[in-house]
Amino acid sequence: METIEAFVYDKAKYHCGGQFPPDQTIEQAMVHTGMYLGWIIDTELYAGELAEERETIDAFKARRLTGPEVYRRCDACFTESMLNEEGNAFSQFYYDIECGRYLADYEDTLCQGLPSLYHVKDTWENYYRIKAVIDTRFLGWKKRSGPKPWVFWK
């Protein structure tokens, strides 16, 4: 029987080489993905293995854990199996490291005046700033992706 592995959107370890600043800790490689994962939870786009982590989800929603702390609890690995169908469709469009818009939005919103995206602090203020941008992108994506009013037979 063939085992199919879940698509991996990101792993913290992917960022710990090359341009990763030597003065930063591994936790800083978790901030950008963790903030996105927090948005996923706030928007109820999670499923599967993440949905099973009820205590972690509740702690995030109560603001006792930040998104990067949730990401750390998920072994710093963000996969398709953590998302529902809509969450995966949006993440394939927006989060994709190669051609998505998330990292550019993250840098435009949170990295001004910082040496790199790995210097963004894990704060609720920063989370709410990027959350507003992701919310806007998500609404735009839903408008473009939703049913068209003239396609009444579907």
C-alpha atoms as a PDB file:
ATOM      1  CA  MET A   1       0.000   0.000   0.000  1.00  0.00           C
ATOM      2  CA  GLU A   2       1.353   3.402  -0.990  1.00  0.00           C
ATOM      3  CA  THR A   3       1.609   6.070   1.706  1.00  0.00           C
ATOM      4  CA  ILE A   4       0.852   9.595   0.575  1.00  0.00           C
ATOM      5  CA  GLU A   5       2.598  12.296   2.567  1.00  0.00           C
ATOM      6  CA  ALA A   6       0.928  15.617   3.238  1.00  0.00           C
ATOM      7  CA  PHE A   7       2.127  18.621   1.256  1.00  0.00           C
ATOM      8  CA  VAL A   8       4.428  20.756   3.394  1.00  0.00           C
ATOM      9  CA  TYR A   9       3.882  24.509   3.122  1.00  0.00           C
ATOM     10  CA  ASP A  10       6.757  25.404   5.418  1.00  0.00           C
ATOM     11  CA  LYS A  11       9.105  24.151   8.109  1.00  0.00           C
ATOM     12  CA  ALA A  12      11.158  26.313  10.453  1.00  0.00           C
ATOM     13  CA  LYS A  13      14.246  24.280   9.599  1.00  0.00           C
ATOM     14  CA  TYR A  14      13.933  25.402   5.952  1.00  0.00           C
ATOM     15  CA  HIS A  15      14.911  28.876   7.134  1.00  0.00           C
ATOM     16  CA  CYS A  16      17.869  27.983   9.363  1.00  0.00           C
ATOM     17  CA  GLY A  17      20.647  28.236   6.851  1.00  0.00           C
ATOM     18  CA  GLY A  18      21.688  30.517   4.041  1.00  0.00           C
ATOM     19  CA  GLN A  19      20.338  33.976   4.827  1.00  0.00           C
ATOM     20  CA  PHE A  20      19.186  33.175   8.365  1.00  0.00           C
ATOM     21  CA  PRO A  21      20.911  35.666  10.670  1.00  0.00           C
ATOM     22  CA  PRO A  22      23.437  33.999  12.991  1.00  0.00           C
ATOM     23  CA  ASP A  23      22.380  36.313  15.835  1.00  0.00           C
ATOM     24  CA  GLN A  24      18.792  34.964  15.829  1.00  0.00           C
ATOM     25  CA  THR A  25      17.363  31.891  17.534  1.00  0.00           C
ATOM     26  CA  ILE A  26      15.373  29.130  15.854  1.00  0.00           C
ATOM     27  CA  GLU A  27      12.231  30.666  17.408  1.00  0.00           C
ATOM     28  CA  GLN A  28      12.624  33.620  15.041  1.00  0.00           C
ATOM     29  CA  ALA A  29      12.343  31.213  12.093  1.00  0.00           C
ATOM     30  CA  MET A  30       8.864  30.344  13.412  1.00  0.00           C
ATOM     31  CA  VAL A  31       7.370  33.832  13.650  1.00  0.00           C
ATOM     32  CA  HIS A  32       6.179  34.429  10.072  1.00  0.00           C
ATOM     33  CA  THR A  33       4.589  30.988   9.671  1.00  0.00           C
ATOM     34  CA  GLY A  34       3.252  31.029  13.220  1.00  0.00           C
ATOM     35  CA  MET A  35       1.427  34.293  12.630  1.00  0.00           C
ATOM     36  CA  TYR A  36      -0.187  32.815   9.530  1.00  0.00           C
ATOM     37  CA  LEU A  37      -1.126  29.690  11.463  1.00  0.00           C
ATOM     38  CA  GLY A  38      -2.708  31.900  14.120  1.00  0.00           C
ATOM     39  CA  TRP A  39      -4.796  33.551  11.415  1.00  0.00           C
ATOM     40  CA  ILE A  40      -5.821  30.076  10.202  1.00  0.00           C
ATOM     41  CA  ILE A  41      -7.086  29.308  13.705  1.00  0.00           C
ATOM     42  CA  ASP A  42      -8.890  32.638  14.098  1.00  0.00           C
ATOM     43  CA  THR A  43     -10.577  32.105  10.738  1.00  0.00           C
ATOM     44  CA  GLU A  44     -11.560  28.485  11.511  1.00  0.00           C
ATOM     45  CA  LEU A  45      -9.745  27.138   8.447  1.00  0.00           C
ATOM     46  CA  TYR A  46      -7.991  24.364  10.345  1.00  0.00           C
ATOM     47  CA  ALA A  47      -8.805  20.648  10.324  1.00  0.00           C
ATOM     48  CA  GLY A  48      -7.220  17.247  10.788  1.00  0.00           C
ATOM     49  CA  GLU A  49      -4.276  17.016  13.115  1.00  0.00           C
ATOM     50  CA  LEU A  50      -4.488  20.663  14.142  1.00  0.00           C
ATOM     51  CA  ALA A  51      -8.194  20.332  14.986  1.00  0.00           C
ATOM     52  CA  GLU A  52      -7.264  17.514  17.330  1.00  0.00           C
ATOM     53  CA  GLU A  53      -5.125  19.939  19.358  1.00  0.00           C
ATOM     54  CA  ARG A  54      -8.178  21.462  21.091  1.00  0.00           C
ATOM     55  CA  GLU A  55      -6.239  22.682  24.126  1.00  0.00           C
ATOM     56  CA  THR A  56      -3.720  24.484  21.900  1.00  0.00           C
ATOM     57  CA  ILE A  57      -6.457  26.050  19.751  1.00  0.00           C
ATOM     58  CA  ASP A  58      -8.348  27.206  22.844  1.00  0.00           C
ATOM     59  CA  ALA A  59      -5.161  28.669  24.329  1.00  0.00           C
ATOM     60  CA  PHE A  60      -4.514  30.616  21.116  1.00  0.00           C
ATOM     61  CA  LYS A  61      -8.077  31.919  20.945  1.00  0.00           C
ATOM     62  CA  ALA A  62      -7.803  33.002  24.601  1.00  0.00           C
ATOM     63  CA  ARG A  63      -4.491  34.701  23.677  1.00  0.00           C
ATOM     64  CA  ARG A  64      -2.510  32.565  26.124  1.00  0.00           C
ATOM     65  CA  LEU A  65      -0.377  31.212  23.249  1.00  0.00           C
ATOM     66  CA  THR A  66       0.822  33.137  20.209  1.00  0.00           C
ATOM     67  CA  GLY A  67       0.770  31.715  16.680  1.00  0.00           C
ATOM     68  CA  PRO A  68       4.514  30.965  16.722  1.00  0.00           C
ATOM     69  CA  GLU A  69       4.046  29.094  20.011  1.00  0.00           C
ATOM     70  CA  VAL A  70       1.283  27.042  18.381  1.00  0.00           C
ATOM     71  CA  TYR A  71       3.586  26.404  15.414  1.00  0.00           C
ATOM     72  CA  ARG A  72       6.315  25.196  17.790  1.00  0.00           C
ATOM     73  CA  ARG A  73       3.825  22.728  19.305  1.00  0.00           C
ATOM     74  CA  CYS A  74       3.186  21.460  15.764  1.00  0.00           C
ATOM     75  CA  ASP A  75       6.878  20.559  15.432  1.00  0.00           C
ATOM     76  CA  ALA A  76       7.416  23.778  13.450  1.00  0.00           C
ATOM     77  CA  CYS A  77       5.928  22.109  10.385  1.00  0.00           C
ATOM     78  CA  PHE A  78       2.954  23.562   8.489  1.00  0.00           C
ATOM     79  CA  THR A  79       1.223  21.009   6.244  1.00  0.00           C
ATOM     80  CA  GLU A  80      -1.944  20.658   4.221  1.00  0.00           C
ATOM     81  CA  SER A  81      -3.242  18.101   6.709  1.00  0.00           C
ATOM     82  CA  MET A  82      -3.670  20.921   9.237  1.00  0.00           C
ATOM     83  CA  LEU A  83      -6.171  22.740   7.019  1.00  0.00           C
ATOM     84  CA  ASN A  84      -9.704  22.254   5.792  1.00  0.00           C
ATOM     85  CA  GLU A  85     -10.491  22.413   2.078  1.00  0.00           C
ATOM     86  CA  GLU A  86     -10.943  26.177   1.980  1.00  0.00           C
ATOM     87  CA  GLY A  87      -7.841  26.712   4.119  1.00  0.00           C
ATOM     88  CA  ASN A  88      -5.782  24.659   1.686  1.00  0.00           C
ATOM     89  CA  ALA A  89      -7.193  26.388  -1.379  1.00  0.00           C
ATOM     90  CA  PHE A  90      -6.395  29.822   0.050  1.00  0.00           C
ATOM     91  CA  SER A  91      -2.966  28.781   1.344  1.00  0.00           C
ATOM     92  CA  GLN A  92      -2.016  27.325  -2.049  1.00  0.00           C
ATOM     93  CA  PHE A  93      -2.891  30.695  -3.555  1.00  0.00           C
ATOM     94  CA  TYR A  94      -1.555  33.049  -0.869  1.00  0.00           C
ATOM     95  CA  TYR A  95       1.015  31.315   1.356  1.00  0.00           C
ATOM     96  CA  ASP A  96       2.978  29.430  -1.313  1.00  0.00           C
ATOM     97  CA  ILE A  97       6.620  30.362  -0.635  1.00  0.00           C
ATOM     98  CA  GLU A  98       7.581  30.477  -4.313  1.00  0.00           C
ATOM     99  CA  CYS A  99       4.725  32.444  -5.853  1.00  0.00           C
ATOM    100  CA  GLY A 100       2.292  33.433  -3.101  1.00  0.00           C
ATOM    101  CA  ARG A 101       1.915  36.948  -1.730  1.00  0.00           C
ATOM    102  CA  TYR A 102       2.150  36.238   2.016  1.00  0.00           C
ATOM    103  CA  LEU A 103       5.879  36.815   2.544  1.00  0.00           C
ATOM    104  CA  ALA A 104       5.782  40.063   0.556  1.00  0.00           C
ATOM    105  CA  ASP A 105       2.798  41.262   2.615  1.00  0.00           C
ATOM    106  CA  TYR A 106       4.562  40.192   5.810  1.00  0.00           C
ATOM    107  CA  GLU A 107       7.703  42.117   4.866  1.00  0.00           C
ATOM    108  CA  ASP A 108       5.758  45.205   3.731  1.00  0.00           C
ATOM    109  CA  THR A 109       3.697  45.204   6.939  1.00  0.00           C
ATOM    110  CA  LEU A 110       6.146  44.175   9.634  1.00  0.00           C
ATOM    111  CA  CYS A 111       9.739  44.392   8.413  1.00  0.00           C
ATOM    112  CA  GLN A 112      10.183  48.091   7.696  1.00  0.00           C
ATOM    113  CA  GLY A 113      13.457  49.200   9.297  1.00  0.00           C
ATOM    114  CA  LEU A 114      14.402  45.661  10.332  1.00  0.00           C
ATOM    115  CA  PRO A 115      17.441  43.781   8.991  1.00  0.00           C
ATOM    116  CA  SER A 116      15.313  40.801   7.886  1.00  0.00           C
ATOM    117  CA  LEU A 117      11.956  39.085   8.280  1.00  0.00           C
ATOM    118  CA  TYR A 118      13.577  37.014  11.019  1.00  0.00           C
ATOM    119  CA  HIS A 119      13.802  40.075  13.253  1.00  0.00           C
ATOM    120  CA  VAL A 120      10.030  40.585  13.612  1.00  0.00           C
ATOM    121  CA  LYS A 121       8.996  40.201  17.235  1.00  0.00           C
ATOM    122  CA  ASP A 122       6.318  37.719  18.235  1.00  0.00           C
ATOM    123  CA  THR A 123       3.836  40.209  19.687  1.00  0.00           C
ATOM    124  CA  TRP A 124       0.061  40.494  19.560  1.00  0.00           C
ATOM    125  CA  GLU A 125       0.425  43.971  18.053  1.00  0.00           C
ATOM    126  CA  ASN A 126       2.394  42.525  15.128  1.00  0.00           C
ATOM    127  CA  TYR A 127      -0.083  39.664  14.795  1.00  0.00           C
ATOM    128  CA  TYR A 128      -3.040  42.043  14.531  1.00  0.00           C
ATOM    129  CA  ARG A 129      -1.214  44.143  11.935  1.00  0.00           C
ATOM    130  CA  ILE A 130      -0.556  41.172   9.640  1.00  0.00           C
ATOM    131  CA  LYS A 131      -3.971  39.658  10.412  1.00  0.00           C
ATOM    132  CA  ALA A 132      -5.659  42.753   8.950  1.00  0.00           C
ATOM    133  CA  VAL A 133      -3.671  42.330   5.725  1.00  0.00           C
ATOM    134  CA  ILE A 134      -4.425  38.602   5.467  1.00  0.00           C
ATOM    135  CA  ASP A 135      -8.122  39.276   6.158  1.00  0.00           C
ATOM    136  CA  THR A 136      -8.183  41.702   3.214  1.00  0.00           C
ATOM    137  CA  ARG A 137      -6.390  39.246   0.915  1.00  0.00           C
ATOM    138  CA  PHE A 138      -8.754  36.457   1.973  1.00  0.00           C
ATOM    139  CA  LEU A 139     -11.861  38.524   1.242  1.00  0.00           C
ATOM    140  CA  GLY A 140     -10.475  39.466  -2.173  1.00  0.00           C
ATOM    141  CA  TRP A 141      -9.635  35.841  -2.903  1.00  0.00           C
ATOM    142  CA  LYS A 142     -13.128  34.716  -1.886  1.00  0.00           C
ATOM    143  CA  LYS A 143     -14.713  37.279  -4.215  1.00  0.00           C
ATOM    144  CA  ARG A 144     -12.572  36.088  -7.127  1.00  0.00           C
ATOM    145  CA  SER A 145     -12.935  32.391  -6.279  1.00  0.00           C
ATOM    146  CA  GLY A 146     -16.622  32.284  -5.396  1.00  0.00           C
ATOM    147  CA  PRO A 147     -19.480  31.414  -7.704  1.00  0.00           C
ATOM    148  CA  LYS A 148     -20.206  33.940 -10.403  1.00  0.00           C
ATOM    149  CA  PRO A 149     -23.750  35.360 -10.376  1.00  0.00           C
ATOM    150  CA  TRP A 150     -24.285  34.487 -14.033  1.00  0.00           C
ATOM    151  CA  VAL A 151     -23.397  30.806 -13.424  1.00  0.00           C
ATOM    152  CA  PHE A 152     -26.758  29.935 -11.917  1.00  0.00           C
ATOM    153  CA  TRP A 153     -26.793  26.258 -12.897  1.00  0.00           C
ATOM    154  CA  LYS A 154     -23.951  25.191 -10.530  1.00  0.00           C
END
